Amino acid sequence: MKRYGYHRTSTREQHLDRGINEITSYCQTNNLALEKIFTDQQTGKNFYRPRYQVLKEDVLREGDELIITEVDRLGRNKQETLKELQYFRDNHIRVKILELPTTLMDISKLDNSMAQMLMETVNNMLIELYAAIAQAEIEKKEKRQREGIEAKKARGDWDNYGRPSIMSDEEFMFEYRSLLAGDINATGLMKKLGMSKTTFYRYVSRINSIKNSQGQ
């Protein structure tokens, strides 16, 4: 059994140190060996994150443990986050969430099956509640952003503000690799990412410009 940590911030301006320190401190206090902490600095609305995908698909194995500080550090989309947690359960990978102390308990050591079932039910309810709160917070933030954009349009400041991107260049490049590998065609990728043809090829052009400037 191996133990890994995962932490995420939404932007590069936010520091990863706090989450990394919390995970490290928990393991040191409880004398638990920690292999590595994986980090991303990208949105929590989806799971198109390079380091998370490496951790999930190439590193974690049956019997391993994954430690996160809070539910929303895993993701802010309730249904997608619950789906990821179910994936870990199905593959017998234990997830510990530091903000939910009941997830840190070893349920298998409880005296009887009824107690185990009750504790598992409590954990599931708490996780679903926290996931719902995380999604509500991001929806509230997006609502404020939309209202701000509409206010700028009404004042005639929209041209100075500019139209926001659907996703970061790093997120797009992560998905675009599947097209380069021949796993999906352009139409299929546009549909998957929810992009119009114009937006999709604007990203492609930008990615190609970056690669050319780097001499790749």
C-alpha atoms as a PDB file:
ATOM      1  CA  MET A   1       0.000   0.000   0.000  1.00  0.00           C
ATOM      2  CA  LYS A   2       1.288   3.459  -0.917  1.00  0.00           C
ATOM      3  CA  ARG A   3       0.012   6.862   0.164  1.00  0.00           C
ATOM      4  CA  TYR A   4      -0.252   9.956  -2.028  1.00  0.00           C
ATOM      5  CA  GLY A   5      -1.528  13.485  -1.599  1.00  0.00           C
ATOM      6  CA  TYR A   6      -3.313  15.741  -4.062  1.00  0.00           C
ATOM      7  CA  HIS A   7      -3.849  19.491  -3.879  1.00  0.00           C
ATOM      8  CA  ARG A   8      -5.256  22.024  -6.325  1.00  0.00           C
ATOM      9  CA  THR A   9      -5.621  25.770  -6.580  1.00  0.00           C
ATOM     10  CA  SER A  10      -7.681  27.523  -9.239  1.00  0.00           C
ATOM     11  CA  THR A  11      -4.995  29.963 -10.398  1.00  0.00           C
ATOM     12  CA  ARG A  12      -1.232  30.297 -10.367  1.00  0.00           C
ATOM     13  CA  GLU A  13      -1.620  33.375  -8.165  1.00  0.00           C
ATOM     14  CA  GLN A  14      -2.919  31.156  -5.347  1.00  0.00           C
ATOM     15  CA  HIS A  15      -0.268  29.348  -3.330  1.00  0.00           C
ATOM     16  CA  LEU A  16      -0.134  25.559  -3.053  1.00  0.00           C
ATOM     17  CA  ASP A  17       1.918  25.672   0.157  1.00  0.00           C
ATOM     18  CA  ARG A  18      -0.974  25.602   2.648  1.00  0.00           C
ATOM     19  CA  GLY A  19      -2.500  22.398   1.277  1.00  0.00           C
ATOM     20  CA  ILE A  20       0.869  20.708   0.841  1.00  0.00           C
ATOM     21  CA  ASN A  21       1.789  21.584   4.436  1.00  0.00           C
ATOM     22  CA  GLU A  22      -1.529  20.289   5.792  1.00  0.00           C
ATOM     23  CA  ILE A  23      -1.137  16.924   4.066  1.00  0.00           C
ATOM     24  CA  THR A  24       2.529  16.615   5.071  1.00  0.00           C
ATOM     25  CA  SER A  25       1.785  17.592   8.683  1.00  0.00           C
ATOM     26  CA  TYR A  26      -1.063  15.060   8.950  1.00  0.00           C
ATOM     27  CA  CYS A  27       1.193  12.238   7.764  1.00  0.00           C
ATOM     28  CA  GLN A  28       4.079  13.251  10.031  1.00  0.00           C
ATOM     29  CA  THR A  29       1.813  13.584  13.094  1.00  0.00           C
ATOM     30  CA  ASN A  30       0.336  10.139  12.494  1.00  0.00           C
ATOM     31  CA  ASN A  31       3.647   8.534  11.489  1.00  0.00           C
ATOM     32  CA  LEU A  32       2.368   7.722   7.984  1.00  0.00           C
ATOM     33  CA  ALA A  33       4.727   7.309   5.027  1.00  0.00           C
ATOM     34  CA  LEU A  34       3.869   9.683   2.179  1.00  0.00           C
ATOM     35  CA  GLU A  35       5.178   8.879  -1.295  1.00  0.00           C
ATOM     36  CA  LYS A  36       4.432  12.144  -3.083  1.00  0.00           C
ATOM     37  CA  ILE A  37       1.981  15.042  -3.358  1.00  0.00           C
ATOM     38  CA  PHE A  38       0.611  15.808  -6.826  1.00  0.00           C
ATOM     39  CA  THR A  39      -0.558  19.359  -7.560  1.00  0.00           C
ATOM     40  CA  ASP A  40      -2.428  21.299 -10.241  1.00  0.00           C
ATOM     41  CA  GLN A  41      -3.184  24.995 -10.596  1.00  0.00           C
ATOM     42  CA  GLN A  42      -6.327  24.845 -12.677  1.00  0.00           C
ATOM     43  CA  THR A  43     -10.078  25.152 -12.372  1.00  0.00           C
ATOM     44  CA  GLY A  44     -12.002  22.676 -10.252  1.00  0.00           C
ATOM     45  CA  LYS A  45     -15.019  22.690 -12.592  1.00  0.00           C
ATOM     46  CA  ASN A  46     -13.725  19.662 -14.461  1.00  0.00           C
ATOM     47  CA  PHE A  47     -11.051  17.001 -14.165  1.00  0.00           C
ATOM     48  CA  TYR A  48      -8.993  17.931 -17.246  1.00  0.00           C
ATOM     49  CA  ARG A  49      -5.890  18.380 -15.113  1.00  0.00           C
ATOM     50  CA  PRO A  50      -2.558  16.843 -16.194  1.00  0.00           C
ATOM     51  CA  ARG A  51      -1.139  15.918 -12.784  1.00  0.00           C
ATOM     52  CA  TYR A  52      -4.453  14.624 -11.478  1.00  0.00           C
ATOM     53  CA  GLN A  53      -4.855  12.396 -14.523  1.00  0.00           C
ATOM     54  CA  VAL A  54      -1.326  11.024 -14.073  1.00  0.00           C
ATOM     55  CA  LEU A  55      -2.063  10.320 -10.404  1.00  0.00           C
ATOM     56  CA  LYS A  56      -5.383   8.634 -11.135  1.00  0.00           C
ATOM     57  CA  GLU A  57      -4.462   6.615 -14.220  1.00  0.00           C
ATOM     58  CA  ASP A  58      -0.766   5.854 -13.837  1.00  0.00           C
ATOM     59  CA  VAL A  59       0.088   5.978 -10.129  1.00  0.00           C
ATOM     60  CA  LEU A  60      -2.730   4.943  -7.788  1.00  0.00           C
ATOM     61  CA  ARG A  61      -3.302   1.208  -7.458  1.00  0.00           C
ATOM     62  CA  GLU A  62      -5.695  -1.013  -5.504  1.00  0.00           C
ATOM     63  CA  GLY A  63      -5.072  -0.705  -1.773  1.00  0.00           C
ATOM     64  CA  ASP A  64      -3.429   2.741  -2.003  1.00  0.00           C
ATOM     65  CA  GLU A  65      -4.532   5.859  -0.119  1.00  0.00           C
ATOM     66  CA  LEU A  66      -5.219   9.342  -1.482  1.00  0.00           C
ATOM     67  CA  ILE A  67      -5.198  12.311   0.905  1.00  0.00           C
ATOM     68  CA  ILE A  68      -6.809  15.678   0.095  1.00  0.00           C
ATOM     69  CA  THR A  69      -7.400  18.643   2.394  1.00  0.00           C
ATOM     70  CA  GLU A  70     -10.967  19.500   1.346  1.00  0.00           C
ATOM     71  CA  VAL A  71     -13.619  18.132  -1.009  1.00  0.00           C
ATOM     72  CA  ASP A  72     -13.421  21.200  -3.251  1.00  0.00           C
ATOM     73  CA  ARG A  73      -9.669  20.687  -3.752  1.00  0.00           C
ATOM     74  CA  LEU A  74     -10.640  17.549  -5.651  1.00  0.00           C
ATOM     75  CA  GLY A  75     -13.387  19.259  -7.652  1.00  0.00           C
ATOM     76  CA  ARG A  76     -16.187  21.828  -7.576  1.00  0.00           C
ATOM     77  CA  ASN A  77     -18.692  20.022  -9.788  1.00  0.00           C
ATOM     78  CA  LYS A  78     -20.818  17.921  -7.431  1.00  0.00           C
ATOM     79  CA  GLN A  79     -21.772  15.095  -9.797  1.00  0.00           C
ATOM     80  CA  GLU A  80     -18.315  14.800 -11.346  1.00  0.00           C
ATOM     81  CA  THR A  81     -16.644  14.856  -7.927  1.00  0.00           C
ATOM     82  CA  LEU A  82     -18.932  12.129  -6.593  1.00  0.00           C
ATOM     83  CA  LYS A  83     -18.227  10.119  -9.755  1.00  0.00           C
ATOM     84  CA  GLU A  84     -14.467  10.392  -9.142  1.00  0.00           C
ATOM     85  CA  LEU A  85     -14.893   9.290  -5.516  1.00  0.00           C
ATOM     86  CA  GLN A  86     -16.989   6.335  -6.664  1.00  0.00           C
ATOM     87  CA  TYR A  87     -14.193   5.393  -9.083  1.00  0.00           C
ATOM     88  CA  PHE A  88     -11.764   5.264  -6.155  1.00  0.00           C
ATOM     89  CA  ARG A  89     -14.179   3.172  -4.084  1.00  0.00           C
ATOM     90  CA  ASP A  90     -14.715   0.753  -6.963  1.00  0.00           C
ATOM     91  CA  ASN A  91     -10.958   0.364  -7.342  1.00  0.00           C
ATOM     92  CA  HIS A  92     -10.408  -0.068  -3.578  1.00  0.00           C
ATOM     93  CA  ILE A  93      -8.447   3.175  -3.244  1.00  0.00           C
ATOM     94  CA  ARG A  94      -9.144   4.852   0.071  1.00  0.00           C
ATOM     95  CA  VAL A  95      -9.683   8.629   0.043  1.00  0.00           C
ATOM     96  CA  LYS A  96      -8.988  10.595   3.221  1.00  0.00           C
ATOM     97  CA  ILE A  97     -10.364  14.137   3.440  1.00  0.00           C
ATOM     98  CA  LEU A  98      -8.739  16.167   6.206  1.00  0.00           C
ATOM     99  CA  GLU A  99     -11.716  18.518   6.647  1.00  0.00           C
ATOM    100  CA  LEU A 100     -13.923  15.465   7.354  1.00  0.00           C
ATOM    101  CA  PRO A 101     -12.370  13.627  10.324  1.00  0.00           C
ATOM    102  CA  THR A 102     -14.770  10.679   9.958  1.00  0.00           C
ATOM    103  CA  THR A 103     -13.067   9.804   6.642  1.00  0.00           C
ATOM    104  CA  LEU A 104      -9.792   9.403   8.532  1.00  0.00           C
ATOM    105  CA  MET A 105     -11.167   6.578  10.681  1.00  0.00           C
ATOM    106  CA  ASP A 106     -10.533   2.974   9.683  1.00  0.00           C
ATOM    107  CA  ILE A 107     -14.121   1.735   9.372  1.00  0.00           C
ATOM    108  CA  SER A 108     -12.981  -1.873   8.952  1.00  0.00           C
ATOM    109  CA  LYS A 109     -11.827  -1.876  12.581  1.00  0.00           C
ATOM    110  CA  LEU A 110     -15.278  -1.083  13.975  1.00  0.00           C
ATOM    111  CA  ASP A 111     -16.802  -3.879  16.052  1.00  0.00           C
ATOM    112  CA  ASN A 112     -19.756  -4.859  13.892  1.00  0.00           C
ATOM    113  CA  SER A 113     -21.157  -4.558  10.395  1.00  0.00           C
ATOM    114  CA  MET A 114     -23.996  -2.252  11.513  1.00  0.00           C
ATOM    115  CA  ALA A 115     -21.514   0.269  12.916  1.00  0.00           C
ATOM    116  CA  GLN A 116     -19.474   0.065   9.707  1.00  0.00           C
ATOM    117  CA  MET A 117     -22.574   0.661   7.575  1.00  0.00           C
ATOM    118  CA  LEU A 118     -23.679   3.631   9.684  1.00  0.00           C
ATOM    119  CA  MET A 119     -20.242   5.259   9.540  1.00  0.00           C
ATOM    120  CA  GLU A 120     -20.006   4.740   5.781  1.00  0.00           C
ATOM    121  CA  THR A 121     -23.463   6.310   5.396  1.00  0.00           C
ATOM    122  CA  VAL A 122     -22.399   9.309   7.491  1.00  0.00           C
ATOM    123  CA  ASN A 123     -19.263   9.739   5.376  1.00  0.00           C
ATOM    124  CA  ASN A 124     -21.226   9.579   2.118  1.00  0.00           C
ATOM    125  CA  MET A 125     -23.760  12.133   3.371  1.00  0.00           C
ATOM    126  CA  LEU A 126     -21.067  14.538   4.530  1.00  0.00           C
ATOM    127  CA  ILE A 127     -19.104  14.232   1.292  1.00  0.00           C
ATOM    128  CA  GLU A 128     -22.238  14.874  -0.788  1.00  0.00           C
ATOM    129  CA  LEU A 129     -23.084  17.901   1.362  1.00  0.00           C
ATOM    130  CA  TYR A 130     -19.607  19.391   1.037  1.00  0.00           C
ATOM    131  CA  ALA A 131     -19.577  18.697  -2.723  1.00  0.00           C
ATOM    132  CA  ALA A 132     -22.925  20.493  -3.066  1.00  0.00           C
ATOM    133  CA  ILE A 133     -21.556  23.476  -1.126  1.00  0.00           C
ATOM    134  CA  ALA A 134     -18.464  23.589  -3.360  1.00  0.00           C
ATOM    135  CA  GLN A 135     -20.620  23.620  -6.503  1.00  0.00           C
ATOM    136  CA  ALA A 136     -22.927  26.284  -5.051  1.00  0.00           C
ATOM    137  CA  GLU A 137     -19.918  28.495  -4.331  1.00  0.00           C
ATOM    138  CA  ILE A 138     -18.583  28.295  -7.869  1.00  0.00           C
ATOM    139  CA  GLU A 139     -22.061  28.882  -9.322  1.00  0.00           C
ATOM    140  CA  LYS A 140     -22.371  31.979  -7.136  1.00  0.00           C
ATOM    141  CA  LYS A 141     -18.970  33.191  -8.338  1.00  0.00           C
ATOM    142  CA  GLU A 142     -19.923  32.617 -11.983  1.00  0.00           C
ATOM    143  CA  LYS A 143     -23.197  34.499 -11.408  1.00  0.00           C
ATOM    144  CA  ARG A 144     -21.283  37.484 -10.044  1.00  0.00           C
ATOM    145  CA  GLN A 145     -18.920  37.312 -13.028  1.00  0.00           C
ATOM    146  CA  ARG A 146     -21.861  37.288 -15.470  1.00  0.00           C
ATOM    147  CA  GLU A 147     -23.457  40.218 -13.686  1.00  0.00           C
ATOM    148  CA  GLY A 148     -20.147  42.081 -13.798  1.00  0.00           C
ATOM    149  CA  ILE A 149     -19.792  41.418 -17.532  1.00  0.00           C
ATOM    150  CA  GLU A 150     -23.354  42.594 -18.201  1.00  0.00           C
ATOM    151  CA  ALA A 151     -22.673  45.744 -16.192  1.00  0.00           C
ATOM    152  CA  LYS A 152     -19.529  46.399 -18.242  1.00  0.00           C
ATOM    153  CA  LYS A 153     -21.477  45.886 -21.473  1.00  0.00           C
ATOM    154  CA  ALA A 154     -24.142  48.311 -20.268  1.00  0.00           C
ATOM    155  CA  ARG A 155     -21.443  50.913 -19.519  1.00  0.00           C
ATOM    156  CA  GLY A 156     -19.743  50.299 -22.853  1.00  0.00           C
ATOM    157  CA  ASP A 157     -16.585  48.910 -21.191  1.00  0.00           C
ATOM    158  CA  TRP A 158     -16.840  45.411 -22.694  1.00  0.00           C
ATOM    159  CA  ASP A 159     -14.229  46.014 -25.399  1.00  0.00           C
ATOM    160  CA  ASN A 160     -11.662  46.915 -22.756  1.00  0.00           C
ATOM    161  CA  TYR A 161     -12.584  43.870 -20.685  1.00  0.00           C
ATOM    162  CA  GLY A 162     -12.380  41.255 -23.421  1.00  0.00           C
ATOM    163  CA  ARG A 163     -14.205  37.961 -23.747  1.00  0.00           C
ATOM    164  CA  PRO A 164     -13.174  35.332 -21.135  1.00  0.00           C
ATOM    165  CA  SER A 165     -11.620  32.027 -22.196  1.00  0.00           C
ATOM    166  CA  ILE A 166     -13.525  28.744 -21.908  1.00  0.00           C
ATOM    167  CA  MET A 167     -10.440  26.992 -20.495  1.00  0.00           C
ATOM    168  CA  SER A 168      -6.744  27.601 -20.070  1.00  0.00           C
ATOM    169  CA  ASP A 169      -4.239  26.807 -22.824  1.00  0.00           C
ATOM    170  CA  GLU A 170      -2.791  24.063 -20.600  1.00  0.00           C
ATOM    171  CA  GLU A 171      -6.201  22.393 -20.237  1.00  0.00           C
ATOM    172  CA  PHE A 172      -6.816  22.625 -23.974  1.00  0.00           C
ATOM    173  CA  MET A 173      -3.392  21.178 -24.804  1.00  0.00           C
ATOM    174  CA  PHE A 174      -4.059  18.250 -22.449  1.00  0.00           C
ATOM    175  CA  GLU A 175      -7.228  17.417 -24.429  1.00  0.00           C
ATOM    176  CA  TYR A 176      -5.717  18.314 -27.818  1.00  0.00           C
ATOM    177  CA  ARG A 177      -3.106  15.565 -27.413  1.00  0.00           C
ATOM    178  CA  SER A 178      -5.863  12.982 -27.913  1.00  0.00           C
ATOM    179  CA  LEU A 179      -6.538  14.472 -31.366  1.00  0.00           C
ATOM    180  CA  LEU A 180      -2.833  14.483 -32.244  1.00  0.00           C
ATOM    181  CA  ALA A 181      -2.654  10.835 -31.184  1.00  0.00           C
ATOM    182  CA  GLY A 182      -5.582   9.970 -33.470  1.00  0.00           C
ATOM    183  CA  ASP A 183      -7.855   8.930 -30.602  1.00  0.00           C
ATOM    184  CA  ILE A 184     -10.536  11.450 -31.567  1.00  0.00           C
ATOM    185  CA  ASN A 185     -11.287  13.710 -34.535  1.00  0.00           C
ATOM    186  CA  ALA A 186     -11.681  17.500 -34.448  1.00  0.00           C
ATOM    187  CA  THR A 187     -15.489  17.380 -34.530  1.00  0.00           C
ATOM    188  CA  GLY A 188     -15.603  14.928 -31.660  1.00  0.00           C
ATOM    189  CA  LEU A 189     -13.198  17.003 -29.576  1.00  0.00           C
ATOM    190  CA  MET A 190     -15.199  20.188 -30.223  1.00  0.00           C
ATOM    191  CA  LYS A 191     -18.322  18.421 -28.993  1.00  0.00           C
ATOM    192  CA  LYS A 192     -16.532  17.024 -25.924  1.00  0.00           C
ATOM    193  CA  LEU A 193     -15.183  20.458 -24.962  1.00  0.00           C
ATOM    194  CA  GLY A 194     -18.416  22.284 -25.811  1.00  0.00           C
ATOM    195  CA  MET A 195     -16.604  24.615 -28.207  1.00  0.00           C
ATOM    196  CA  SER A 196     -17.710  26.233 -31.427  1.00  0.00           C
ATOM    197  CA  LYS A 197     -15.541  25.688 -34.512  1.00  0.00           C
ATOM    198  CA  THR A 198     -14.269  29.278 -34.322  1.00  0.00           C
ATOM    199  CA  THR A 199     -13.283  28.985 -30.666  1.00  0.00           C
ATOM    200  CA  PHE A 200     -11.682  25.570 -31.170  1.00  0.00           C
ATOM    201  CA  TYR A 201      -9.411  26.727 -34.001  1.00  0.00           C
ATOM    202  CA  ARG A 202      -8.551  29.913 -32.110  1.00  0.00           C
ATOM    203  CA  TYR A 203      -7.129  27.680 -29.382  1.00  0.00           C
ATOM    204  CA  VAL A 204      -5.335  25.503 -31.967  1.00  0.00           C
ATOM    205  CA  SER A 205      -3.780  28.589 -33.539  1.00  0.00           C
ATOM    206  CA  ARG A 206      -2.648  29.889 -30.154  1.00  0.00           C
ATOM    207  CA  ILE A 207      -1.163  26.520 -29.153  1.00  0.00           C
ATOM    208  CA  ASN A 208       0.713  26.271 -32.458  1.00  0.00           C
ATOM    209  CA  SER A 209       2.061  29.802 -32.020  1.00  0.00           C
ATOM    210  CA  ILE A 210       3.359  28.941 -28.549  1.00  0.00           C
ATOM    211  CA  LYS A 211       5.009  25.738 -29.829  1.00  0.00           C
ATOM    212  CA  ASN A 212       6.630  27.616 -32.756  1.00  0.00           C
ATOM    213  CA  SER A 213       7.936  30.334 -30.460  1.00  0.00           C
ATOM    214  CA  GLN A 214       9.523  27.616 -28.316  1.00  0.00           C
ATOM    215  CA  GLY A 215      11.078  26.015 -31.353  1.00  0.00           C
ATOM    216  CA  GLN A 216       9.120  22.758 -30.938  1.00  0.00           C
END
